[in-house]
Amino acid sequence: MNNIKQKRNKPTKKQLYELERNDILNNLNNIIPFNEDHSVLFDNINNSNELKKYIQDNIDNIKKIYACSNWGYFKNNNIDEVSYLIKKIFKEHSYTIFSKYKTKNINNKHSKITIYYIYPPGTIL
């Protein structure tokens, strides 16, 4: 018997919807308030009404063009935390993402803030 596995003939969502995926990514890049060093505050992502509205308007399209059935955003129905969905979309496009925690002093109270650094593919860190 021949035990050679056949390759998949059906194209992936990445191949099928390349233009639509790039449109979503470009729109997110325009909406998210990145700093010069490619950083953005976690709170700025989750509290952006423009970003939330964009996600709500395009959620069906996002489900259609990304293989996202096991993403936490959809599994946990956590629609207030759009930062998790944003991270997954950027990771699908091979972006490098890491986060740092910093403490901020406001009126002698320490609060921890999260900063995401999101770098396009091919960026040398």
Protein backbone atom coordinates (compact mmCIF):
# COMPACT_ATOMS: atom_id res chain seq x y z
CA MET A 1 0.00 0.00 0.00
CA ASN A 2 1.00 3.53 -0.68
CA ASN A 3 1.04 5.65 2.50
CA ILE A 4 1.78 9.00 0.85
CA LYS A 5 -0.50 11.76 2.07
CA GLN A 6 -2.16 13.90 -0.52
CA LYS A 7 -1.67 17.64 -0.34
CA ARG A 8 -4.66 19.81 0.22
CA ASN A 9 -6.24 20.94 -3.04
CA LYS A 10 -8.57 23.44 -1.43
CA PRO A 11 -7.02 26.90 -0.98
CA THR A 12 -6.75 28.30 2.55
CA LYS A 13 -8.63 31.37 3.75
CA LYS A 14 -5.32 33.21 3.65
CA GLN A 15 -5.03 32.49 -0.06
CA LEU A 16 -8.70 32.99 -0.90
CA TYR A 17 -9.21 36.31 0.85
CA GLU A 18 -5.80 37.95 0.54
CA LEU A 19 -7.13 41.32 -0.68
CA GLU A 20 -9.92 41.49 1.90
CA ARG A 21 -7.50 40.59 4.70
CA ASN A 22 -5.11 43.33 3.59
CA ASP A 23 -7.99 45.85 3.52
CA ILE A 24 -8.92 44.95 7.12
CA LEU A 25 -5.28 45.26 8.19
CA ASN A 26 -4.79 48.63 6.46
CA ASN A 27 -7.98 50.00 8.03
CA LEU A 28 -6.84 48.85 11.48
CA ASN A 29 -3.44 50.47 10.93
CA ASN A 30 -5.22 53.74 10.13
CA ILE A 31 -7.59 53.59 13.11
CA ILE A 32 -5.20 52.46 15.87
CA PRO A 33 -3.27 55.40 17.40
CA PHE A 34 0.29 54.09 17.07
CA ASN A 35 3.23 56.06 18.46
CA GLU A 36 6.46 56.59 16.52
CA ASP A 37 7.99 53.46 18.07
CA HIS A 38 5.05 51.28 16.91
CA SER A 39 3.61 51.18 20.42
CA VAL A 40 0.04 51.61 21.55
CA LEU A 41 -1.54 51.57 25.00
CA PHE A 42 -3.76 48.61 25.78
CA ASP A 43 -6.41 51.00 27.13
CA ASN A 44 -6.33 53.10 23.95
CA ILE A 45 -7.29 50.03 21.95
CA ASN A 46 -10.06 48.85 24.27
CA ASN A 47 -11.51 52.33 24.82
CA SER A 48 -11.49 53.47 21.19
CA ASN A 49 -15.09 53.91 20.08
CA GLU A 50 -14.03 54.23 16.45
CA LEU A 51 -12.20 50.89 16.64
CA LYS A 52 -15.11 49.16 18.40
CA LYS A 53 -17.54 50.45 15.78
CA TYR A 54 -15.28 49.27 12.96
CA ILE A 55 -15.03 45.80 14.53
CA GLN A 56 -18.80 45.60 15.06
CA ASP A 57 -19.49 46.65 11.47
CA ASN A 58 -17.01 44.12 10.07
CA ILE A 59 -17.31 41.20 12.50
CA ASP A 60 -19.09 38.96 9.98
CA ASN A 61 -16.46 39.75 7.36
CA ILE A 62 -13.66 39.01 9.86
CA LYS A 63 -15.23 35.63 10.69
CA LYS A 64 -15.48 34.88 6.98
CA ILE A 65 -11.91 35.72 5.95
CA TYR A 66 -9.96 34.51 9.00
CA ALA A 67 -9.78 31.02 10.50
CA CYS A 68 -10.87 32.33 13.88
CA SER A 69 -13.12 29.69 15.42
CA ASN A 70 -10.70 29.08 18.30
CA TRP A 71 -9.81 32.73 19.01
CA GLY A 72 -10.62 33.72 22.58
CA TYR A 73 -12.55 36.78 21.45
CA PHE A 74 -15.15 34.56 19.80
CA LYS A 75 -14.99 31.60 22.21
CA ASN A 76 -15.53 33.69 25.35
CA ASN A 77 -17.91 36.26 23.80
CA ASN A 78 -15.69 38.94 25.29
CA ILE A 79 -16.67 41.71 22.88
CA ASP A 80 -15.44 44.52 25.14
CA GLU A 81 -11.81 43.37 24.87
CA VAL A 82 -11.13 44.19 21.22
CA SER A 83 -7.37 44.22 21.89
CA TYR A 84 -7.32 40.40 21.84
CA LEU A 85 -8.97 40.33 18.44
CA ILE A 86 -6.59 43.01 17.13
CA LYS A 87 -3.57 41.02 18.32
CA LYS A 88 -4.80 37.88 16.56
CA ILE A 89 -5.42 39.73 13.30
CA PHE A 90 -1.94 41.26 13.33
CA LYS A 91 -0.39 37.87 14.18
CA GLU A 92 -2.21 36.34 11.20
CA HIS A 93 -0.29 38.84 9.04
CA SER A 94 3.06 37.82 10.61
CA TYR A 95 3.48 40.97 12.69
CA THR A 96 5.77 40.80 15.71
CA ILE A 97 3.86 41.68 18.88
CA PHE A 98 5.08 41.95 22.42
CA SER A 99 3.88 43.80 25.49
CA LYS A 100 5.48 45.62 28.38
CA TYR A 101 4.09 46.66 31.71
CA LYS A 102 4.91 50.07 33.13
CA THR A 103 3.85 51.72 36.34
CA LYS A 104 2.34 55.14 36.24
CA ASN A 105 2.08 57.49 39.22
CA ILE A 106 -1.09 59.55 39.43
CA ASN A 107 -1.72 61.44 42.68
CA ASN A 108 0.71 59.18 44.57
CA LYS A 109 -1.14 56.07 43.37
CA HIS A 110 0.65 53.46 41.33
CA SER A 111 -1.20 51.92 38.44
CA LYS A 112 0.07 49.37 35.98
CA ILE A 113 -0.39 50.04 32.27
CA THR A 114 0.17 47.67 29.37
CA ILE A 115 1.87 48.81 26.20
CA TYR A 116 1.74 46.75 23.00
CA TYR A 117 4.55 46.99 20.48
CA ILE A 118 3.37 45.89 17.05
CA TYR A 119 6.01 45.64 14.31
CA PRO A 120 5.38 44.83 10.65
CA PRO A 121 6.96 41.70 9.14
CA GLY A 122 10.62 42.11 8.30
CA THR A 123 11.29 44.76 10.95
CA ILE A 124 14.60 44.19 12.68
CA LEU A 125 14.34 44.75 16.41
